[in-house]
Amino acid sequence: AERLLARSGAPEGAIVASDVRTGRILVWASRG
């Protein structure tokens, strides 16, 4: 996720993902 954000070139951005069954956060990536 961090690589995808860096490659996007956006000045600000974020990606967050979860396991929907448990609510466990799998990704917490931010740019800016």
Full PDB file with SEQRES, HELIX, SHEET, SSBOND, CRYST1, ORIGX, SCALE, CONECT and MASTER records, all heavy atoms in Angstrom:
SEQRES   1 A   32  ALA GLU ARG LEU LEU ALA ARG SER GLY ALA PRO GLU GLY          
SEQRES   2 A   32  ALA ILE VAL ALA SER ASP VAL ARG THR GLY ARG ILE LEU          
SEQRES   3 A   32  VAL TRP ALA SER ARG GLY                                      
HELIX    1 AA1 GLU A    2  SER A    8  1                                   7    
SHEET    1 AA1 2 GLY A  13  SER A  18  0                                        
SHEET    2 AA1 2 ILE A  25  ARG A  31 -1                                        
CRYST1    1.000    1.000    1.000  90.00  90.00  90.00 P 1           1          
ORIGX1      1.000000  0.000000  0.000000        0.00000                         
ORIGX2      0.000000  1.000000  0.000000        0.00000                         
ORIGX3      0.000000  0.000000  1.000000        0.00000                         
SCALE1      1.000000  0.000000  0.000000        0.00000                         
SCALE2      0.000000  1.000000  0.000000        0.00000                         
SCALE3      0.000000  0.000000  1.000000        0.00000                         
ATOM      1  N   ALA A   1       0.829  -1.206   0.000  1.00  0.00           N  
ATOM      2  CA  ALA A   1       0.000   0.000   0.000  1.00  0.00           C  
ATOM      3  C   ALA A   1       0.862   1.254   0.000  1.00  0.00           C  
ATOM      4  O   ALA A   1       0.560   2.231  -0.700  1.00  0.00           O  
ATOM      5  CB  ALA A   1      -0.923  -0.005   1.209  1.00  0.00           C  
ATOM      6  N   GLU A   2       1.937   1.249   0.760  1.00  0.00           N  
ATOM      7  CA  GLU A   2       2.827   2.405   0.787  1.00  0.00           C  
ATOM      8  C   GLU A   2       3.476   2.635  -0.576  1.00  0.00           C  
ATOM      9  O   GLU A   2       3.629   3.777  -1.010  1.00  0.00           O  
ATOM     10  CB  GLU A   2       3.888   2.215   1.873  1.00  0.00           C  
ATOM     11  CG  GLU A   2       3.310   2.283   3.287  1.00  0.00           C  
ATOM     12  CD  GLU A   2       4.325   1.923   4.363  1.00  0.00           C  
ATOM     13  OE1 GLU A   2       5.455   1.507   4.011  1.00  0.00           O  
ATOM     14  OE2 GLU A   2       3.991   2.046   5.557  1.00  0.00           O  
ATOM     15  N   ARG A   3       3.838   1.549  -1.258  1.00  0.00           N  
ATOM     16  CA  ARG A   3       4.395   1.688  -2.610  1.00  0.00           C  
ATOM     17  C   ARG A   3       3.363   2.257  -3.580  1.00  0.00           C  
ATOM     18  O   ARG A   3       3.682   3.107  -4.422  1.00  0.00           O  
ATOM     19  CB  ARG A   3       4.906   0.329  -3.114  1.00  0.00           C  
ATOM     20  CG  ARG A   3       6.183  -0.152  -2.447  1.00  0.00           C  
ATOM     21  CD  ARG A   3       6.803  -1.304  -3.215  1.00  0.00           C  
ATOM     22  NE  ARG A   3       5.930  -2.474  -3.259  1.00  0.00           N  
ATOM     23  CZ  ARG A   3       5.953  -3.459  -2.363  1.00  0.00           C  
ATOM     24  NH1 ARG A   3       6.800  -3.403  -1.339  1.00  0.00           N  
ATOM     25  NH2 ARG A   3       5.141  -4.493  -2.485  1.00  0.00           N  
ATOM     26  N   LEU A   4       2.127   1.785  -3.488  1.00  0.00           N  
ATOM     27  CA  LEU A   4       1.074   2.276  -4.374  1.00  0.00           C  
ATOM     28  C   LEU A   4       0.830   3.769  -4.146  1.00  0.00           C  
ATOM     29  O   LEU A   4       0.629   4.528  -5.102  1.00  0.00           O  
ATOM     30  CB  LEU A   4      -0.213   1.490  -4.151  1.00  0.00           C  
ATOM     31  CG  LEU A   4      -0.217   0.036  -4.637  1.00  0.00           C  
ATOM     32  CD1 LEU A   4      -1.480  -0.683  -4.166  1.00  0.00           C  
ATOM     33  CD2 LEU A   4      -0.100  -0.029  -6.151  1.00  0.00           C  
ATOM     34  N   LEU A   5       0.828   4.200  -2.894  1.00  0.00           N  
ATOM     35  CA  LEU A   5       0.635   5.621  -2.601  1.00  0.00           C  
ATOM     36  C   LEU A   5       1.782   6.453  -3.158  1.00  0.00           C  
ATOM     37  O   LEU A   5       1.561   7.520  -3.744  1.00  0.00           O  
ATOM     38  CB  LEU A   5       0.526   5.843  -1.093  1.00  0.00           C  
ATOM     39  CG  LEU A   5      -0.837   5.694  -0.447  1.00  0.00           C  
ATOM     40  CD1 LEU A   5      -0.734   5.983   1.053  1.00  0.00           C  
ATOM     41  CD2 LEU A   5      -1.871   6.618  -1.085  1.00  0.00           C  
ATOM     42  N   ALA A   6       3.003   5.995  -2.959  1.00  0.00           N  
ATOM     43  CA  ALA A   6       4.156   6.735  -3.460  1.00  0.00           C  
ATOM     44  C   ALA A   6       4.106   6.843  -4.984  1.00  0.00           C  
ATOM     45  O   ALA A   6       4.390   7.898  -5.561  1.00  0.00           O  
ATOM     46  CB  ALA A   6       5.445   6.056  -3.007  1.00  0.00           C  
ATOM     47  N   ARG A   7       3.719   5.753  -5.637  1.00  0.00           N  
ATOM     48  CA  ARG A   7       3.656   5.743  -7.096  1.00  0.00           C  
ATOM     49  C   ARG A   7       2.531   6.619  -7.638  1.00  0.00           C  
ATOM     50  O   ARG A   7       2.597   7.100  -8.768  1.00  0.00           O  
ATOM     51  CB  ARG A   7       3.465   4.303  -7.575  1.00  0.00           C  
ATOM     52  CG  ARG A   7       3.782   4.095  -9.052  1.00  0.00           C  
ATOM     53  CD  ARG A   7       3.741   2.633  -9.389  1.00  0.00           C  
ATOM     54  NE  ARG A   7       2.383   2.091  -9.353  1.00  0.00           N  
ATOM     55  CZ  ARG A   7       2.099   0.800  -9.381  1.00  0.00           C  
ATOM     56  NH1 ARG A   7       3.070  -0.098  -9.399  1.00  0.00           N  
ATOM     57  NH2 ARG A   7       0.847   0.391  -9.380  1.00  0.00           N  
ATOM     58  N   SER A   8       1.496   6.851  -6.821  1.00  0.00           N  
ATOM     59  CA  SER A   8       0.364   7.670  -7.277  1.00  0.00           C  
ATOM     60  C   SER A   8       0.758   9.107  -7.550  1.00  0.00           C  
ATOM     61  O   SER A   8       0.145   9.779  -8.376  1.00  0.00           O  
ATOM     62  CB  SER A   8      -0.761   7.644  -6.233  1.00  0.00           C  
ATOM     63  OG  SER A   8      -0.431   8.475  -5.117  1.00  0.00           O  
ATOM     64  N   GLY A   9       1.764   9.594  -6.821  1.00  0.00           N  
ATOM     65  CA  GLY A   9       2.200  10.977  -6.990  1.00  0.00           C  
ATOM     66  C   GLY A   9       1.281  12.000  -6.359  1.00  0.00           C  
ATOM     67  O   GLY A   9       1.529  13.207  -6.476  1.00  0.00           O  
ATOM     68  N   ALA A  10       0.220  11.575  -5.678  1.00  0.00           N  
ATOM     69  CA  ALA A  10      -0.713  12.513  -5.055  1.00  0.00           C  
ATOM     70  C   ALA A  10      -0.032  13.225  -3.885  1.00  0.00           C  
ATOM     71  O   ALA A  10       0.655  12.580  -3.094  1.00  0.00           O  
ATOM     72  CB  ALA A  10      -1.951  11.787  -4.572  1.00  0.00           C  
ATOM     73  N   PRO A  11      -0.220  14.542  -3.736  1.00  0.00           N  
ATOM     74  CA  PRO A  11       0.375  15.241  -2.594  1.00  0.00           C  
ATOM     75  C   PRO A  11      -0.114  14.707  -1.254  1.00  0.00           C  
ATOM     76  O   PRO A  11       0.633  14.656  -0.289  1.00  0.00           O  
ATOM     77  CB  PRO A  11      -0.074  16.691  -2.799  1.00  0.00           C  
ATOM     78  CG  PRO A  11      -0.318  16.811  -4.271  1.00  0.00           C  
ATOM     79  CD  PRO A  11      -0.882  15.469  -4.671  1.00  0.00           C  
ATOM     80  N   GLU A  12      -1.402  14.351  -1.191  1.00  0.00           N  
ATOM     81  CA  GLU A  12      -1.964  13.738   0.005  1.00  0.00           C  
ATOM     82  C   GLU A  12      -2.785  12.521  -0.406  1.00  0.00           C  
ATOM     83  O   GLU A  12      -3.387  12.514  -1.474  1.00  0.00           O  
ATOM     84  CB  GLU A  12      -2.869  14.701   0.784  1.00  0.00           C  
ATOM     85  CG  GLU A  12      -2.196  15.957   1.310  1.00  0.00           C  
ATOM     86  CD  GLU A  12      -2.261  17.109   0.321  1.00  0.00           C  
ATOM     87  OE1 GLU A  12      -3.179  17.130  -0.526  1.00  0.00           O  
ATOM     88  OE2 GLU A  12      -1.369  17.991   0.405  1.00  0.00           O  
ATOM     89  N   GLY A  13      -2.801  11.539   0.455  1.00  0.00           N  
ATOM     90  CA  GLY A  13      -3.600  10.355   0.148  1.00  0.00           C  
ATOM     91  C   GLY A  13      -3.542   9.358   1.275  1.00  0.00           C  
ATOM     92  O   GLY A  13      -2.745   9.489   2.214  1.00  0.00           O  
ATOM     93  N   ALA A  14      -4.386   8.344   1.190  1.00  0.00           N  
ATOM     94  CA  ALA A  14      -4.416   7.314   2.226  1.00  0.00           C  
ATOM     95  C   ALA A  14      -5.055   6.048   1.682  1.00  0.00           C  
ATOM     96  O   ALA A  14      -5.918   6.097   0.797  1.00  0.00           O  
ATOM     97  CB  ALA A  14      -5.184   7.796   3.452  1.00  0.00           C  
ATOM     98  N   ILE A  15      -4.604   4.927   2.238  1.00  0.00           N  
ATOM     99  CA  ILE A  15      -5.207   3.622   1.976  1.00  0.00           C  
ATOM    100  C   ILE A  15      -5.397   2.947   3.321  1.00  0.00           C  
ATOM    101  O   ILE A  15      -4.476   2.906   4.142  1.00  0.00           O  
ATOM    102  CB  ILE A  15      -4.320   2.730   1.088  1.00  0.00           C  
ATOM    103  CG1 ILE A  15      -3.985   3.412  -0.236  1.00  0.00           C  
ATOM    104  CG2 ILE A  15      -4.990   1.374   0.845  1.00  0.00           C  
ATOM    105  CD1 ILE A  15      -2.988   2.632  -1.094  1.00  0.00           C  
ATOM    106  N   VAL A  16      -6.586   2.401   3.548  1.00  0.00           N  
ATOM    107  CA  VAL A  16      -6.846   1.637   4.769  1.00  0.00           C  
ATOM    108  C   VAL A  16      -7.672   0.419   4.378  1.00  0.00           C  
ATOM    109  O   VAL A  16      -8.538   0.491   3.507  1.00  0.00           O  
ATOM    110  CB  VAL A  16      -7.553   2.503   5.835  1.00  0.00           C  
ATOM    111  CG1 VAL A  16      -8.882   3.035   5.343  1.00  0.00           C  
ATOM    112  CG2 VAL A  16      -7.731   1.747   7.137  1.00  0.00           C  
ATOM    113  N   ALA A  17      -7.366  -0.716   4.984  1.00  0.00           N  
ATOM    114  CA  ALA A  17      -8.062  -1.962   4.665  1.00  0.00           C  
ATOM    115  C   ALA A  17      -8.312  -2.745   5.941  1.00  0.00           C  
ATOM    116  O   ALA A  17      -7.556  -2.640   6.919  1.00  0.00           O  
ATOM    117  CB  ALA A  17      -7.240  -2.800   3.685  1.00  0.00           C  
ATOM    118  N   SER A  18      -9.364  -3.554   5.919  1.00  0.00           N  
ATOM    119  CA  SER A  18      -9.705  -4.366   7.095  1.00  0.00           C  
ATOM    120  C   SER A  18     -10.183  -5.743   6.695  1.00  0.00           C  
ATOM    121  O   SER A  18     -10.663  -5.964   5.583  1.00  0.00           O  
ATOM    122  CB  SER A  18     -10.799  -3.672   7.920  1.00  0.00           C  
ATOM    123  OG  SER A  18     -12.034  -3.665   7.206  1.00  0.00           O  
ATOM    124  N   ASP A  19     -10.030  -6.676   7.622  1.00  0.00           N  
ATOM    125  CA  ASP A  19     -10.673  -7.980   7.532  1.00  0.00           C  
ATOM    126  C   ASP A  19     -12.119  -7.751   7.974  1.00  0.00           C  
ATOM    127  O   ASP A  19     -12.373  -7.458   9.139  1.00  0.00           O  
ATOM    128  CB  ASP A  19      -9.963  -8.955   8.468  1.00  0.00           C  
ATOM    129  CG  ASP A  19     -10.582 -10.343   8.477  1.00  0.00           C  
ATOM    130  OD1 ASP A  19     -11.814 -10.466   8.291  1.00  0.00           O  
ATOM    131  OD2 ASP A  19      -9.849 -11.320   8.712  1.00  0.00           O  
ATOM    132  N   VAL A  20     -13.059  -7.871   7.050  1.00  0.00           N  
ATOM    133  CA  VAL A  20     -14.435  -7.475   7.374  1.00  0.00           C  
ATOM    134  C   VAL A  20     -15.074  -8.365   8.436  1.00  0.00           C  
ATOM    135  O   VAL A  20     -15.986  -7.940   9.146  1.00  0.00           O  
ATOM    136  CB  VAL A  20     -15.331  -7.441   6.110  1.00  0.00           C  
ATOM    137  CG1 VAL A  20     -14.800  -6.482   5.091  1.00  0.00           C  
ATOM    138  CG2 VAL A  20     -15.488  -8.831   5.505  1.00  0.00           C  
ATOM    139  N   ARG A  21     -14.592  -9.593   8.572  1.00  0.00           N  
ATOM    140  CA  ARG A  21     -15.221 -10.520   9.514  1.00  0.00           C  
ATOM    141  C   ARG A  21     -14.867 -10.183  10.961  1.00  0.00           C  
ATOM    142  O   ARG A  21     -15.674 -10.398  11.864  1.00  0.00           O  
ATOM    143  CB  ARG A  21     -14.797 -11.949   9.172  1.00  0.00           C  
ATOM    144  CG  ARG A  21     -15.294 -12.414   7.808  1.00  0.00           C  
ATOM    145  CD  ARG A  21     -14.527 -13.596   7.291  1.00  0.00           C  
ATOM    146  NE  ARG A  21     -13.122 -13.267   7.042  1.00  0.00           N  
ATOM    147  CZ  ARG A  21     -12.278 -14.061   6.379  1.00  0.00           C  
ATOM    148  NH1 ARG A  21     -12.696 -15.215   5.918  1.00  0.00           N  
ATOM    149  NH2 ARG A  21     -11.021 -13.704   6.189  1.00  0.00           N  
ATOM    150  N   THR A  22     -13.657  -9.685  11.178  1.00  0.00           N  
ATOM    151  CA  THR A  22     -13.197  -9.423  12.539  1.00  0.00           C  
ATOM    152  C   THR A  22     -13.020  -7.942  12.852  1.00  0.00           C  
ATOM    153  O   THR A  22     -12.951  -7.565  14.020  1.00  0.00           O  
ATOM    154  CB  THR A  22     -11.844 -10.110  12.781  1.00  0.00           C  
ATOM    155  OG1 THR A  22     -10.853  -9.511  11.917  1.00  0.00           O  
ATOM    156  CG2 THR A  22     -11.930 -11.606  12.500  1.00  0.00           C  
ATOM    157  N   GLY A  23     -12.899  -7.104  11.809  1.00  0.00           N  
ATOM    158  CA  GLY A  23     -12.608  -5.692  12.022  1.00  0.00           C  
ATOM    159  C   GLY A  23     -11.134  -5.407  12.181  1.00  0.00           C  
ATOM    160  O   GLY A  23     -10.742  -4.254  12.423  1.00  0.00           O  
ATOM    161  N   ARG A  24     -10.283  -6.407  12.039  1.00  0.00           N  
ATOM    162  CA  ARG A  24      -8.833  -6.203  12.142  1.00  0.00           C  
ATOM    163  C   ARG A  24      -8.350  -5.319  10.997  1.00  0.00           C  
ATOM    164  O   ARG A  24      -8.621  -5.580   9.822  1.00  0.00           O  
ATOM    165  CB  ARG A  24      -8.110  -7.544  12.093  1.00  0.00           C  
ATOM    166  CG  ARG A  24      -6.590  -7.402  12.023  1.00  0.00           C  
ATOM    167  CD  ARG A  24      -5.924  -8.685  11.540  1.00  0.00           C  
ATOM    168  NE  ARG A  24      -4.519  -8.435  11.242  1.00  0.00           N  
ATOM    169  CZ  ARG A  24      -3.758  -9.254  10.524  1.00  0.00           C  
ATOM    170  NH1 ARG A  24      -4.262 -10.365  10.014  1.00  0.00           N  
ATOM    171  NH2 ARG A  24      -2.484  -8.948  10.301  1.00  0.00           N  
ATOM    172  N   ILE A  25      -7.628  -4.248  11.344  1.00  0.00           N  
ATOM    173  CA  ILE A  25      -7.051  -3.379  10.324  1.00  0.00           C  
ATOM    174  C   ILE A  25      -5.821  -4.064   9.726  1.00  0.00           C  
ATOM    175  O   ILE A  25      -4.910  -4.473  10.441  1.00  0.00           O  
ATOM    176  CB  ILE A  25      -6.658  -2.007  10.906  1.00  0.00           C  
ATOM    177  CG1 ILE A  25      -7.893  -1.275  11.445  1.00  0.00           C  
ATOM    178  CG2 ILE A  25      -5.957  -1.166   9.846  1.00  0.00           C  
ATOM    179  CD1 ILE A  25      -8.868  -0.805  10.393  1.00  0.00           C  
ATOM    180  N   LEU A  26      -5.798  -4.183   8.395  1.00  0.00           N  
ATOM    181  CA  LEU A  26      -4.703  -4.835   7.678  1.00  0.00           C  
ATOM    182  C   LEU A  26      -3.716  -3.831   7.094  1.00  0.00           C  
ATOM    183  O   LEU A  26      -2.525  -4.133   6.951  1.00  0.00           O  
ATOM    184  CB  LEU A  26      -5.270  -5.698   6.539  1.00  0.00           C  
ATOM    185  CG  LEU A  26      -6.284  -6.768   6.929  1.00  0.00           C  
ATOM    186  CD1 LEU A  26      -6.868  -7.420   5.680  1.00  0.00           C  
ATOM    187  CD2 LEU A  26      -5.637  -7.806   7.837  1.00  0.00           C  
ATOM    188  N   VAL A  27      -4.223  -2.656   6.717  1.00  0.00           N  
ATOM    189  CA  VAL A  27      -3.396  -1.613   6.099  1.00  0.00           C  
ATOM    190  C   VAL A  27      -3.783  -0.275   6.694  1.00  0.00           C  
ATOM    191  O   VAL A  27      -4.983   0.016   6.859  1.00  0.00           O  
ATOM    192  CB  VAL A  27      -3.590  -1.567   4.564  1.00  0.00           C  
ATOM    193  CG1 VAL A  27      -2.951  -0.311   3.956  1.00  0.00           C  
ATOM    194  CG2 VAL A  27      -3.031  -2.819   3.912  1.00  0.00           C  
ATOM    195  N   TRP A  28      -2.768   0.536   7.007  1.00  0.00           N  
ATOM    196  CA  TRP A  28      -2.992   1.911   7.482  1.00  0.00           C  
ATOM    197  C   TRP A  28      -1.874   2.743   6.874  1.00  0.00           C  
ATOM    198  O   TRP A  28      -0.842   2.982   7.503  1.00  0.00           O  
ATOM    199  CB  TRP A  28      -2.975   1.960   9.005  1.00  0.00           C  
ATOM    200  CG  TRP A  28      -3.367   3.259   9.646  1.00  0.00           C  
ATOM    201  CD1 TRP A  28      -2.683   4.443   9.609  1.00  0.00           C  
ATOM    202  CD2 TRP A  28      -4.536   3.504  10.450  1.00  0.00           C  
ATOM    203  NE1 TRP A  28      -3.337   5.402  10.334  1.00  0.00           N  
ATOM    204  CE2 TRP A  28      -4.474   4.854  10.867  1.00  0.00           C  
ATOM    205  CE3 TRP A  28      -5.601   2.705  10.866  1.00  0.00           C  
ATOM    206  CZ2 TRP A  28      -5.458   5.428  11.675  1.00  0.00           C  
ATOM    207  CZ3 TRP A  28      -6.569   3.273  11.665  1.00  0.00           C  
ATOM    208  CH2 TRP A  28      -6.502   4.616  12.068  1.00  0.00           C  
ATOM    209  N   ALA A  29      -2.033   3.195   5.647  1.00  0.00           N  
ATOM    210  CA  ALA A  29      -0.971   3.888   4.923  1.00  0.00           C  
ATOM    211  C   ALA A  29      -1.399   5.301   4.578  1.00  0.00           C  
ATOM    212  O   ALA A  29      -2.516   5.522   4.110  1.00  0.00           O  
ATOM    213  CB  ALA A  29      -0.622   3.122   3.646  1.00  0.00           C  
ATOM    214  N   SER A  30      -0.493   6.258   4.809  1.00  0.00           N  
ATOM    215  CA  SER A  30      -0.817   7.663   4.582  1.00  0.00           C  
ATOM    216  C   SER A  30       0.324   8.346   3.847  1.00  0.00           C  
ATOM    217  O   SER A  30       1.495   7.978   4.004  1.00  0.00           O  
ATOM    218  CB  SER A  30      -1.076   8.355   5.924  1.00  0.00           C  
ATOM    219  OG  SER A  30      -1.406   9.712   5.740  1.00  0.00           O  
ATOM    220  N   ARG A  31      -0.027   9.350   3.055  1.00  0.00           N  
ATOM    221  CA  ARG A  31       0.964  10.136   2.313  1.00  0.00           C  
ATOM    222  C   ARG A  31       0.640  11.614   2.519  1.00  0.00           C  
ATOM    223  O   ARG A  31      -0.497  12.037   2.295  1.00  0.00           O  
ATOM    224  CB  ARG A  31       0.926   9.777   0.823  1.00  0.00           C  
ATOM    225  CG  ARG A  31       1.849  10.607  -0.070  1.00  0.00           C  
ATOM    226  CD  ARG A  31       1.737  10.118  -1.509  1.00  0.00           C  
ATOM    227  NE  ARG A  31       2.404  10.988  -2.461  1.00  0.00           N  
ATOM    228  CZ  ARG A  31       3.697  10.947  -2.757  1.00  0.00           C  
ATOM    229  NH1 ARG A  31       4.464  10.050  -2.168  1.00  0.00           N  
ATOM    230  NH2 ARG A  31       4.217  11.772  -3.650  1.00  0.00           N  
ATOM    231  N   GLY A  32       1.622  12.387   2.956  1.00  0.00           N  
ATOM    232  CA  GLY A  32       1.396  13.805   3.203  1.00  0.00           C  
ATOM    233  C   GLY A  32       1.854  14.195   4.593  1.00  0.00           C  
ATOM    234  O   GLY A  32       2.554  13.444   5.278  1.00  0.00           O  
TER     235      GLY A  32                                                      
MASTER        0    0    0    1    2    0    0    6  234    1    0    3          
END                                                                             
